[in-house]
Amino acid sequence: MRLFLAAALLLPAALGVAADTAPFPFFAYCIDTHDSQKRTLPQQAAMMKELGYDGVGHLWLENVPERLKTLDEAGLKLFQISIRATIAPDQPPYDPALKDVLSLLKGRGVQICVMMEGLPPSDTAGDERGVAIIREMGDLAKDSGVEILLYPHANFWLERVEDAVRLAGKAGRPNVGVMFNLCHWLKVDDEANMRPLLEKALPYLRAVSINGSDSAEAIHAGTGNWLQPLDSGAYDALPLLKTLHELGYKGPVGLQCWGIEGDARDHLARSMAAWKKLVGRM
């Protein structure tokens, strides 16, 4: 009897994480940019609820009240809003509508993901102005409880995870963090660098994105597709999820859907099935 009880207690660990108890909240973003069905926001919320996602990310600052209303009615969470910023001296650094939108997000735990342009990728000559802008946004967001996440994007000034970590450290604001984006990382880095990079980013790491993709080597060679549904491509996302789990990361994981053509329901359903399989293998 004692042996049976001991075996029963050890069984979940031996089997890994159950597929229906994912260690990270799972949402999707850019779900409507290439949807052939051109779904309205209420239709998107209903679809995401039906497919089992925890919520969505929103692109730009337009239509945020309606997005919040439709997600609230569906019992889903708005995880992130993505915006652009620039360090170019002759332009406004970011959309001034941000201030009004922040007032709508108070107490909701939303993250603002900032893609930064204005100089060649990773040029540290822009750090002084970039850090000043990041601090300004962090201070603006402080009272709403919103986090400002630095979003590495291939070919942008803030291109690499290392750039985001450097700038977040210099900013020195507790509500400023970093997002790791699988597709953009594969586009500019070597897969062998994943674990040490995540270890370095961990103190600032507040969100992670995944998607189906081919290998970094194929992407660099121009033969690989870096944005696919999660069940497609040669890259295995399981080591990334396992590494995050081992490092104690507990933040959200977002499914990157930018550029995926066709009916969004089809690829979102496929990606959710792939997500459950990945979690079941952890």
C-alpha atoms as a PDB file:
ATOM      1  CA  MET A   1       0.000   0.000   0.000  1.00  0.00           C
ATOM      2  CA  ARG A   2       2.791   2.406   0.936  1.00  0.00           C
ATOM      3  CA  LEU A   3       4.534   1.644  -2.346  1.00  0.00           C
ATOM      4  CA  PHE A   4       1.300   2.328  -4.254  1.00  0.00           C
ATOM      5  CA  LEU A   5       0.812   5.708  -2.542  1.00  0.00           C
ATOM      6  CA  ALA A   6       4.424   6.710  -3.178  1.00  0.00           C
ATOM      7  CA  ALA A   7       4.129   5.794  -6.840  1.00  0.00           C
ATOM      8  CA  ALA A   8       0.889   7.761  -7.134  1.00  0.00           C
ATOM      9  CA  LEU A   9       2.510  10.859  -5.634  1.00  0.00           C
ATOM     10  CA  LEU A  10       5.498  10.626  -7.979  1.00  0.00           C
ATOM     11  CA  LEU A  11       3.483   9.913 -11.148  1.00  0.00           C
ATOM     12  CA  PRO A  12       2.663  13.534 -12.187  1.00  0.00           C
ATOM     13  CA  ALA A  13       6.321  14.544 -11.996  1.00  0.00           C
ATOM     14  CA  ALA A  14       7.340  11.498 -13.991  1.00  0.00           C
ATOM     15  CA  LEU A  15       4.797  12.327 -16.687  1.00  0.00           C
ATOM     16  CA  GLY A  16       5.719  16.009 -16.884  1.00  0.00           C
ATOM     17  CA  VAL A  17       3.211  18.867 -16.995  1.00  0.00           C
ATOM     18  CA  ALA A  18      -0.357  17.837 -17.767  1.00  0.00           C
ATOM     19  CA  ALA A  19      -1.662  19.207 -21.041  1.00  0.00           C
ATOM     20  CA  ASP A  20      -4.626  20.910 -19.347  1.00  0.00           C
ATOM     21  CA  THR A  21      -2.488  22.640 -16.674  1.00  0.00           C
ATOM     22  CA  ALA A  22      -0.154  24.773 -18.780  1.00  0.00           C
ATOM     23  CA  PRO A  23       2.622  26.417 -16.749  1.00  0.00           C
ATOM     24  CA  PHE A  24       2.198  29.711 -18.621  1.00  0.00           C
ATOM     25  CA  PRO A  25      -0.877  31.738 -19.592  1.00  0.00           C
ATOM     26  CA  PHE A  26      -1.281  31.380 -23.371  1.00  0.00           C
ATOM     27  CA  PHE A  27      -2.648  34.104 -25.613  1.00  0.00           C
ATOM     28  CA  ALA A  28      -2.361  35.079 -29.271  1.00  0.00           C
ATOM     29  CA  TYR A  29      -1.633  38.373 -30.980  1.00  0.00           C
ATOM     30  CA  CYS A  30      -1.829  39.826 -34.485  1.00  0.00           C
ATOM     31  CA  ILE A  31      -4.772  37.468 -34.951  1.00  0.00           C
ATOM     32  CA  ASP A  32      -6.673  39.861 -37.235  1.00  0.00           C
ATOM     33  CA  THR A  33      -3.966  41.404 -39.426  1.00  0.00           C
ATOM     34  CA  HIS A  34      -4.164  38.720 -42.129  1.00  0.00           C
ATOM     35  CA  ASP A  35      -7.463  36.983 -41.335  1.00  0.00           C
ATOM     36  CA  SER A  36      -9.238  36.305 -44.634  1.00  0.00           C
ATOM     37  CA  GLN A  37     -12.595  36.430 -42.815  1.00  0.00           C
ATOM     38  CA  LYS A  38     -12.017  40.016 -41.547  1.00  0.00           C
ATOM     39  CA  ARG A  39     -13.671  39.227 -38.200  1.00  0.00           C
ATOM     40  CA  THR A  40     -14.978  42.014 -35.999  1.00  0.00           C
ATOM     41  CA  LEU A  41     -13.648  42.408 -32.457  1.00  0.00           C
ATOM     42  CA  PRO A  42     -16.726  40.646 -30.925  1.00  0.00           C
ATOM     43  CA  GLN A  43     -16.268  37.793 -33.409  1.00  0.00           C
ATOM     44  CA  GLN A  44     -12.574  37.560 -32.519  1.00  0.00           C
ATOM     45  CA  ALA A  45     -13.327  37.386 -28.802  1.00  0.00           C
ATOM     46  CA  ALA A  46     -15.938  34.656 -29.299  1.00  0.00           C
ATOM     47  CA  MET A  47     -13.542  32.657 -31.484  1.00  0.00           C
ATOM     48  CA  MET A  48     -10.651  32.893 -29.004  1.00  0.00           C
ATOM     49  CA  LYS A  49     -12.899  31.824 -26.127  1.00  0.00           C
ATOM     50  CA  GLU A  50     -14.163  28.845 -28.115  1.00  0.00           C
ATOM     51  CA  LEU A  51     -10.609  27.792 -29.051  1.00  0.00           C
ATOM     52  CA  GLY A  52      -9.394  27.911 -25.445  1.00  0.00           C
ATOM     53  CA  TYR A  53      -6.993  30.857 -25.451  1.00  0.00           C
ATOM     54  CA  ASP A  54      -6.583  32.894 -22.257  1.00  0.00           C
ATOM     55  CA  GLY A  55      -6.782  36.177 -24.134  1.00  0.00           C
ATOM     56  CA  VAL A  56      -5.261  38.263 -26.914  1.00  0.00           C
ATOM     57  CA  GLY A  57      -2.751  40.966 -27.695  1.00  0.00           C
ATOM     58  CA  HIS A  58      -3.868  44.156 -29.454  1.00  0.00           C
ATOM     59  CA  LEU A  59      -2.023  46.038 -32.179  1.00  0.00           C
ATOM     60  CA  TRP A  60      -1.738  49.861 -31.918  1.00  0.00           C
ATOM     61  CA  LEU A  61      -3.819  52.236 -29.808  1.00  0.00           C
ATOM     62  CA  GLU A  62      -7.028  52.427 -31.864  1.00  0.00           C
ATOM     63  CA  ASN A  63     -10.225  50.634 -30.753  1.00  0.00           C
ATOM     64  CA  VAL A  64      -8.897  49.745 -27.293  1.00  0.00           C
ATOM     65  CA  PRO A  65     -12.238  50.449 -25.492  1.00  0.00           C
ATOM     66  CA  GLU A  66     -14.099  48.068 -27.821  1.00  0.00           C
ATOM     67  CA  ARG A  67     -11.345  45.453 -27.497  1.00  0.00           C
ATOM     68  CA  LEU A  68     -11.604  45.607 -23.704  1.00  0.00           C
ATOM     69  CA  LYS A  69     -15.411  45.433 -23.786  1.00  0.00           C
ATOM     70  CA  THR A  70     -15.517  42.405 -26.065  1.00  0.00           C
ATOM     71  CA  LEU A  71     -12.857  40.535 -24.087  1.00  0.00           C
ATOM     72  CA  ASP A  72     -14.565  41.321 -20.788  1.00  0.00           C
ATOM     73  CA  GLU A  73     -17.849  39.950 -22.126  1.00  0.00           C
ATOM     74  CA  ALA A  74     -16.074  36.765 -23.267  1.00  0.00           C
ATOM     75  CA  GLY A  75     -14.222  36.353 -19.955  1.00  0.00           C
ATOM     76  CA  LEU A  76     -10.826  36.825 -21.617  1.00  0.00           C
ATOM     77  CA  LYS A  77      -7.830  39.005 -20.770  1.00  0.00           C
ATOM     78  CA  LEU A  78      -6.114  41.717 -22.777  1.00  0.00           C
ATOM     79  CA  PHE A  79      -2.463  40.738 -22.278  1.00  0.00           C
ATOM     80  CA  GLN A  80      -0.616  43.271 -24.396  1.00  0.00           C
ATOM     81  CA  ILE A  81      -0.860  46.294 -26.668  1.00  0.00           C
ATOM     82  CA  SER A  82       1.942  46.728 -29.227  1.00  0.00           C
ATOM     83  CA  ILE A  83       3.118  50.196 -30.245  1.00  0.00           C
ATOM     84  CA  ARG A  84       6.023  51.808 -32.114  1.00  0.00           C
ATOM     85  CA  ALA A  85       8.440  54.399 -30.796  1.00  0.00           C
ATOM     86  CA  THR A  86      11.296  56.244 -32.434  1.00  0.00           C
ATOM     87  CA  ILE A  87      14.482  57.829 -31.171  1.00  0.00           C
ATOM     88  CA  ALA A  88      14.721  60.047 -34.266  1.00  0.00           C
ATOM     89  CA  PRO A  89      15.168  63.592 -32.881  1.00  0.00           C
ATOM     90  CA  ASP A  90      12.818  65.266 -35.368  1.00  0.00           C
ATOM     91  CA  GLN A  91       9.757  63.120 -34.621  1.00  0.00           C
ATOM     92  CA  PRO A  92       7.397  62.573 -31.675  1.00  0.00           C
ATOM     93  CA  PRO A  93       8.844  59.602 -29.783  1.00  0.00           C
ATOM     94  CA  TYR A  94       5.511  57.747 -29.526  1.00  0.00           C
ATOM     95  CA  ASP A  95       1.781  58.131 -30.134  1.00  0.00           C
ATOM     96  CA  PRO A  96       0.482  60.774 -27.685  1.00  0.00           C
ATOM     97  CA  ALA A  97      -2.731  58.743 -27.404  1.00  0.00           C
ATOM     98  CA  LEU A  98      -0.801  56.420 -25.091  1.00  0.00           C
ATOM     99  CA  LYS A  99      -1.600  58.603 -22.080  1.00  0.00           C
ATOM    100  CA  ASP A 100      -5.371  58.316 -22.587  1.00  0.00           C
ATOM    101  CA  VAL A 101      -5.187  54.575 -23.296  1.00  0.00           C
ATOM    102  CA  LEU A 102      -3.203  53.959 -20.106  1.00  0.00           C
ATOM    103  CA  SER A 103      -6.112  55.347 -18.099  1.00  0.00           C
ATOM    104  CA  LEU A 104      -8.321  52.595 -19.580  1.00  0.00           C
ATOM    105  CA  LEU A 105      -5.896  49.873 -18.512  1.00  0.00           C
ATOM    106  CA  LYS A 106      -5.594  50.658 -14.824  1.00  0.00           C
ATOM    107  CA  GLY A 107      -5.612  47.532 -12.699  1.00  0.00           C
ATOM    108  CA  ARG A 108      -5.807  45.141 -15.665  1.00  0.00           C
ATOM    109  CA  GLY A 109      -2.171  43.987 -15.704  1.00  0.00           C
ATOM    110  CA  VAL A 110      -1.689  44.868 -19.360  1.00  0.00           C
ATOM    111  CA  GLN A 111       1.762  45.107 -20.942  1.00  0.00           C
ATOM    112  CA  ILE A 112       2.670  47.761 -23.522  1.00  0.00           C
ATOM    113  CA  CYS A 113       5.143  46.254 -26.011  1.00  0.00           C
ATOM    114  CA  VAL A 114       7.387  48.900 -27.570  1.00  0.00           C
ATOM    115  CA  MET A 115       9.158  48.420 -30.913  1.00  0.00           C
ATOM    116  CA  MET A 116      11.854  51.094 -31.215  1.00  0.00           C
ATOM    117  CA  GLU A 117      13.258  52.540 -34.464  1.00  0.00           C
ATOM    118  CA  GLY A 118      15.315  55.566 -35.539  1.00  0.00           C
ATOM    119  CA  LEU A 119      18.892  54.299 -35.894  1.00  0.00           C
ATOM    120  CA  PRO A 120      20.582  51.219 -37.379  1.00  0.00           C
ATOM    121  CA  PRO A 121      20.050  48.006 -35.390  1.00  0.00           C
ATOM    122  CA  SER A 122      21.780  47.879 -32.004  1.00  0.00           C
ATOM    123  CA  ASP A 123      23.565  51.239 -32.437  1.00  0.00           C
ATOM    124  CA  THR A 124      24.420  52.263 -28.873  1.00  0.00           C
ATOM    125  CA  ALA A 125      24.723  55.886 -29.991  1.00  0.00           C
ATOM    126  CA  GLY A 126      20.970  56.030 -29.473  1.00  0.00           C
ATOM    127  CA  ASP A 127      21.015  54.757 -25.902  1.00  0.00           C
ATOM    128  CA  GLU A 128      20.835  58.145 -24.159  1.00  0.00           C
ATOM    129  CA  ARG A 129      17.709  59.274 -26.040  1.00  0.00           C
ATOM    130  CA  GLY A 130      16.245  55.778 -26.063  1.00  0.00           C
ATOM    131  CA  VAL A 131      16.591  55.402 -22.308  1.00  0.00           C
ATOM    132  CA  ALA A 132      15.047  58.841 -21.744  1.00  0.00           C
ATOM    133  CA  ILE A 133      12.007  57.839 -23.824  1.00  0.00           C
ATOM    134  CA  ILE A 134      11.692  54.489 -22.055  1.00  0.00           C
ATOM    135  CA  ARG A 135      11.868  56.158 -18.637  1.00  0.00           C
ATOM    136  CA  GLU A 136       9.217  58.671 -19.715  1.00  0.00           C
ATOM    137  CA  MET A 137       6.858  55.875 -20.785  1.00  0.00           C
ATOM    138  CA  GLY A 138       7.584  53.896 -17.631  1.00  0.00           C
ATOM    139  CA  ASP A 139       6.773  56.884 -15.452  1.00  0.00           C
ATOM    140  CA  LEU A 140       3.634  57.611 -17.478  1.00  0.00           C
ATOM    141  CA  ALA A 141       2.447  54.017 -16.984  1.00  0.00           C
ATOM    142  CA  LYS A 142       3.331  53.724 -13.308  1.00  0.00           C
ATOM    143  CA  ASP A 143      -0.011  54.723 -11.777  1.00  0.00           C
ATOM    144  CA  SER A 144      -1.985  52.422 -14.081  1.00  0.00           C
ATOM    145  CA  GLY A 145       0.004  49.343 -13.113  1.00  0.00           C
ATOM    146  CA  VAL A 146       0.957  48.820 -16.765  1.00  0.00           C
ATOM    147  CA  GLU A 147       4.350  47.338 -17.654  1.00  0.00           C
ATOM    148  CA  ILE A 148       6.446  48.717 -20.510  1.00  0.00           C
ATOM    149  CA  LEU A 149       8.098  45.833 -22.385  1.00  0.00           C
ATOM    150  CA  LEU A 150      10.988  46.356 -24.797  1.00  0.00           C
ATOM    151  CA  TYR A 151      10.168  44.279 -27.873  1.00  0.00           C
ATOM    152  CA  PRO A 152      13.143  43.142 -30.000  1.00  0.00           C
ATOM    153  CA  HIS A 153      12.288  43.310 -33.698  1.00  0.00           C
ATOM    154  CA  ALA A 154      14.551  42.332 -36.605  1.00  0.00           C
ATOM    155  CA  ASN A 155      15.882  45.333 -38.569  1.00  0.00           C
ATOM    156  CA  PHE A 156      14.683  47.830 -35.932  1.00  0.00           C
ATOM    157  CA  TRP A 157      17.038  49.836 -33.692  1.00  0.00           C
ATOM    158  CA  LEU A 158      15.918  47.655 -30.781  1.00  0.00           C
ATOM    159  CA  GLU A 159      16.679  44.471 -32.681  1.00  0.00           C
ATOM    160  CA  ARG A 160      18.167  41.946 -30.285  1.00  0.00           C
ATOM    161  CA  VAL A 161      17.315  40.627 -26.838  1.00  0.00           C
ATOM    162  CA  GLU A 162      20.695  41.954 -25.708  1.00  0.00           C
ATOM    163  CA  ASP A 163      19.599  45.468 -26.739  1.00  0.00           C
ATOM    164  CA  ALA A 164      16.418  45.169 -24.705  1.00  0.00           C
ATOM    165  CA  VAL A 165      18.269  43.907 -21.622  1.00  0.00           C
ATOM    166  CA  ARG A 166      20.869  46.693 -21.884  1.00  0.00           C
ATOM    167  CA  LEU A 167      18.221  49.402 -22.230  1.00  0.00           C
ATOM    168  CA  ALA A 168      15.977  48.012 -19.482  1.00  0.00           C
ATOM    169  CA  GLY A 169      18.973  47.958 -17.136  1.00  0.00           C
ATOM    170  CA  LYS A 170      19.881  51.546 -17.954  1.00  0.00           C
ATOM    171  CA  ALA A 171      16.264  52.683 -17.606  1.00  0.00           C
ATOM    172  CA  GLY A 172      16.134  51.405 -14.041  1.00  0.00           C
ATOM    173  CA  ARG A 173      12.356  51.437 -13.757  1.00  0.00           C
ATOM    174  CA  PRO A 174      10.618  48.518 -12.005  1.00  0.00           C
ATOM    175  CA  ASN A 175       7.767  48.529 -14.519  1.00  0.00           C
ATOM    176  CA  VAL A 176      10.116  48.291 -17.519  1.00  0.00           C
ATOM    177  CA  GLY A 177      10.922  44.780 -18.729  1.00  0.00           C
ATOM    178  CA  VAL A 178      11.822  42.691 -21.765  1.00  0.00           C
ATOM    179  CA  MET A 179       9.984  40.363 -24.155  1.00  0.00           C
ATOM    180  CA  PHE A 180      11.686  37.424 -25.852  1.00  0.00           C
ATOM    181  CA  ASN A 181      10.306  36.941 -29.369  1.00  0.00           C
ATOM    182  CA  LEU A 182      11.122  33.589 -30.878  1.00  0.00           C
ATOM    183  CA  CYS A 183      10.779  34.531 -34.546  1.00  0.00           C
ATOM    184  CA  HIS A 184      12.822  37.731 -34.297  1.00  0.00           C
ATOM    185  CA  TRP A 185      15.467  35.945 -32.218  1.00  0.00           C
ATOM    186  CA  LEU A 186      15.764  33.140 -34.797  1.00  0.00           C
ATOM    187  CA  LYS A 187      16.085  35.789 -37.497  1.00  0.00           C
ATOM    188  CA  VAL A 188      19.175  37.429 -35.948  1.00  0.00           C
ATOM    189  CA  ASP A 189      20.832  34.917 -33.604  1.00  0.00           C
ATOM    190  CA  ASP A 190      22.230  31.392 -33.261  1.00  0.00           C
ATOM    191  CA  GLU A 191      20.042  28.714 -31.643  1.00  0.00           C
ATOM    192  CA  ALA A 192      22.985  27.626 -29.471  1.00  0.00           C
ATOM    193  CA  ASN A 193      22.760  30.945 -27.605  1.00  0.00           C
ATOM    194  CA  MET A 194      19.227  30.383 -26.297  1.00  0.00           C
ATOM    195  CA  ARG A 195      19.823  29.302 -22.703  1.00  0.00           C
ATOM    196  CA  PRO A 196      22.601  31.775 -21.775  1.00  0.00           C
ATOM    197  CA  LEU A 197      20.581  34.540 -23.394  1.00  0.00           C
ATOM    198  CA  LEU A 198      17.455  33.662 -21.403  1.00  0.00           C
ATOM    199  CA  GLU A 199      19.522  33.454 -18.202  1.00  0.00           C
ATOM    200  CA  LYS A 200      20.836  36.952 -18.874  1.00  0.00           C
ATOM    201  CA  ALA A 201      17.380  38.304 -19.705  1.00  0.00           C
ATOM    202  CA  LEU A 202      15.578  36.570 -16.826  1.00  0.00           C
ATOM    203  CA  PRO A 203      15.699  39.486 -14.318  1.00  0.00           C
ATOM    204  CA  TYR A 204      13.805  41.605 -16.862  1.00  0.00           C
ATOM    205  CA  LEU A 205      11.868  38.887 -18.714  1.00  0.00           C
ATOM    206  CA  ARG A 206       8.120  39.556 -18.515  1.00  0.00           C
ATOM    207  CA  ALA A 207       6.760  37.895 -21.685  1.00  0.00           C
ATOM    208  CA  VAL A 208       7.722  35.390 -24.400  1.00  0.00           C
ATOM    209  CA  SER A 209       6.359  34.782 -27.876  1.00  0.00           C
ATOM    210  CA  ILE A 210       6.415  31.547 -29.853  1.00  0.00           C
ATOM    211  CA  ASN A 211       5.250  30.365 -33.268  1.00  0.00           C
ATOM    212  CA  GLY A 212       6.011  27.690 -35.796  1.00  0.00           C
ATOM    213  CA  SER A 213       9.249  28.308 -37.657  1.00  0.00           C
ATOM    214  CA  ASP A 214      12.048  26.730 -39.586  1.00  0.00           C
ATOM    215  CA  SER A 215      15.553  26.647 -38.102  1.00  0.00           C
ATOM    216  CA  ALA A 216      17.664  29.765 -37.619  1.00  0.00           C
ATOM    217  CA  GLU A 217      20.191  28.332 -40.069  1.00  0.00           C
ATOM    218  CA  ALA A 218      17.551  27.987 -42.802  1.00  0.00           C
ATOM    219  CA  ILE A 219      16.151  31.465 -42.051  1.00  0.00           C
ATOM    220  CA  HIS A 220      19.629  33.005 -42.318  1.00  0.00           C
ATOM    221  CA  ALA A 221      20.173  31.157 -45.591  1.00  0.00           C
ATOM    222  CA  GLY A 222      16.949  32.581 -46.973  1.00  0.00           C
ATOM    223  CA  THR A 223      15.297  29.175 -47.334  1.00  0.00           C
ATOM    224  CA  GLY A 224      13.337  29.046 -44.076  1.00  0.00           C
ATOM    225  CA  ASN A 225       9.943  30.478 -43.088  1.00  0.00           C
ATOM    226  CA  TRP A 226      10.119  32.189 -39.693  1.00  0.00           C
ATOM    227  CA  LEU A 227       6.372  32.820 -39.180  1.00  0.00           C
ATOM    228  CA  GLN A 228       4.113  29.768 -39.319  1.00  0.00           C
ATOM    229  CA  PRO A 229       1.351  28.132 -37.257  1.00  0.00           C
ATOM    230  CA  LEU A 230       2.757  26.361 -34.218  1.00  0.00           C
ATOM    231  CA  ASP A 231       2.319  22.897 -35.734  1.00  0.00           C
ATOM    232  CA  SER A 232       4.506  23.791 -38.738  1.00  0.00           C
ATOM    233  CA  GLY A 233       8.210  24.249 -39.422  1.00  0.00           C
ATOM    234  CA  ALA A 234      11.386  22.400 -38.508  1.00  0.00           C
ATOM    235  CA  TYR A 235      12.101  24.296 -35.271  1.00  0.00           C
ATOM    236  CA  ASP A 236      11.084  22.432 -32.093  1.00  0.00           C
ATOM    237  CA  ALA A 237       9.778  24.925 -29.507  1.00  0.00           C
ATOM    238  CA  LEU A 238       9.875  22.340 -26.694  1.00  0.00           C
ATOM    239  CA  PRO A 239      13.480  23.097 -25.560  1.00  0.00           C
ATOM    240  CA  LEU A 240      12.549  26.777 -25.264  1.00  0.00           C
ATOM    241  CA  LEU A 241       9.519  26.023 -23.078  1.00  0.00           C
ATOM    242  CA  LYS A 242      11.486  23.547 -20.964  1.00  0.00           C
ATOM    243  CA  THR A 243      14.285  26.064 -20.451  1.00  0.00           C
ATOM    244  CA  LEU A 244      11.814  28.744 -19.385  1.00  0.00           C
ATOM    245  CA  HIS A 245      10.214  26.314 -16.938  1.00  0.00           C
ATOM    246  CA  GLU A 246      13.611  25.288 -15.523  1.00  0.00           C
ATOM    247  CA  LEU A 247      14.606  28.933 -15.060  1.00  0.00           C
ATOM    248  CA  GLY A 248      11.419  29.600 -13.088  1.00  0.00           C
ATOM    249  CA  TYR A 249       9.774  31.854 -15.669  1.00  0.00           C
ATOM    250  CA  LYS A 250       6.049  32.163 -14.941  1.00  0.00           C
ATOM    251  CA  GLY A 251       4.937  34.957 -17.271  1.00  0.00           C
ATOM    252  CA  PRO A 252       2.661  34.741 -20.299  1.00  0.00           C
ATOM    253  CA  VAL A 253       3.489  33.112 -23.620  1.00  0.00           C
ATOM    254  CA  GLY A 254       2.032  34.763 -26.710  1.00  0.00           C
ATOM    255  CA  LEU A 255       1.415  33.105 -30.064  1.00  0.00           C
ATOM    256  CA  GLN A 256       2.793  35.331 -32.842  1.00  0.00           C
ATOM    257  CA  CYS A 257       0.368  35.283 -35.787  1.00  0.00           C
ATOM    258  CA  TRP A 258       1.636  38.169 -37.927  1.00  0.00           C
ATOM    259  CA  GLY A 259       1.660  37.398 -41.635  1.00  0.00           C
ATOM    260  CA  ILE A 260      -0.160  34.063 -41.446  1.00  0.00           C
ATOM    261  CA  GLU A 261      -2.675  34.112 -44.292  1.00  0.00           C
ATOM    262  CA  GLY A 262      -6.055  32.378 -44.576  1.00  0.00           C
ATOM    263  CA  ASP A 263      -8.902  31.865 -42.114  1.00  0.00           C
ATOM    264  CA  ALA A 264      -7.536  32.703 -38.666  1.00  0.00           C
ATOM    265  CA  ARG A 265      -9.752  30.071 -37.059  1.00  0.00           C
ATOM    266  CA  ASP A 266      -7.922  27.333 -38.948  1.00  0.00           C
ATOM    267  CA  HIS A 267      -4.364  28.242 -37.925  1.00  0.00           C
ATOM    268  CA  LEU A 268      -5.355  29.287 -34.386  1.00  0.00           C
ATOM    269  CA  ALA A 269      -7.059  25.921 -33.829  1.00  0.00           C
ATOM    270  CA  ARG A 270      -3.992  24.104 -35.173  1.00  0.00           C
ATOM    271  CA  SER A 271      -1.688  26.163 -32.961  1.00  0.00           C
ATOM    272  CA  MET A 272      -3.778  25.502 -29.852  1.00  0.00           C
ATOM    273  CA  ALA A 273      -3.623  21.746 -30.538  1.00  0.00           C
ATOM    274  CA  ALA A 274       0.156  22.015 -30.987  1.00  0.00           C
ATOM    275  CA  TRP A 275       0.458  24.044 -27.756  1.00  0.00           C
ATOM    276  CA  LYS A 276      -1.366  21.349 -25.777  1.00  0.00           C
ATOM    277  CA  LYS A 277       0.951  18.699 -27.200  1.00  0.00           C
ATOM    278  CA  LEU A 278       4.037  20.773 -26.303  1.00  0.00           C
ATOM    279  CA  VAL A 279       2.822  21.324 -22.751  1.00  0.00           C
ATOM    280  CA  GLY A 280       2.047  17.638 -22.434  1.00  0.00           C
ATOM    281  CA  ARG A 281       5.668  16.820 -23.376  1.00  0.00           C
ATOM    282  CA  MET A 282       7.195  19.148 -20.783  1.00  0.00           C
END
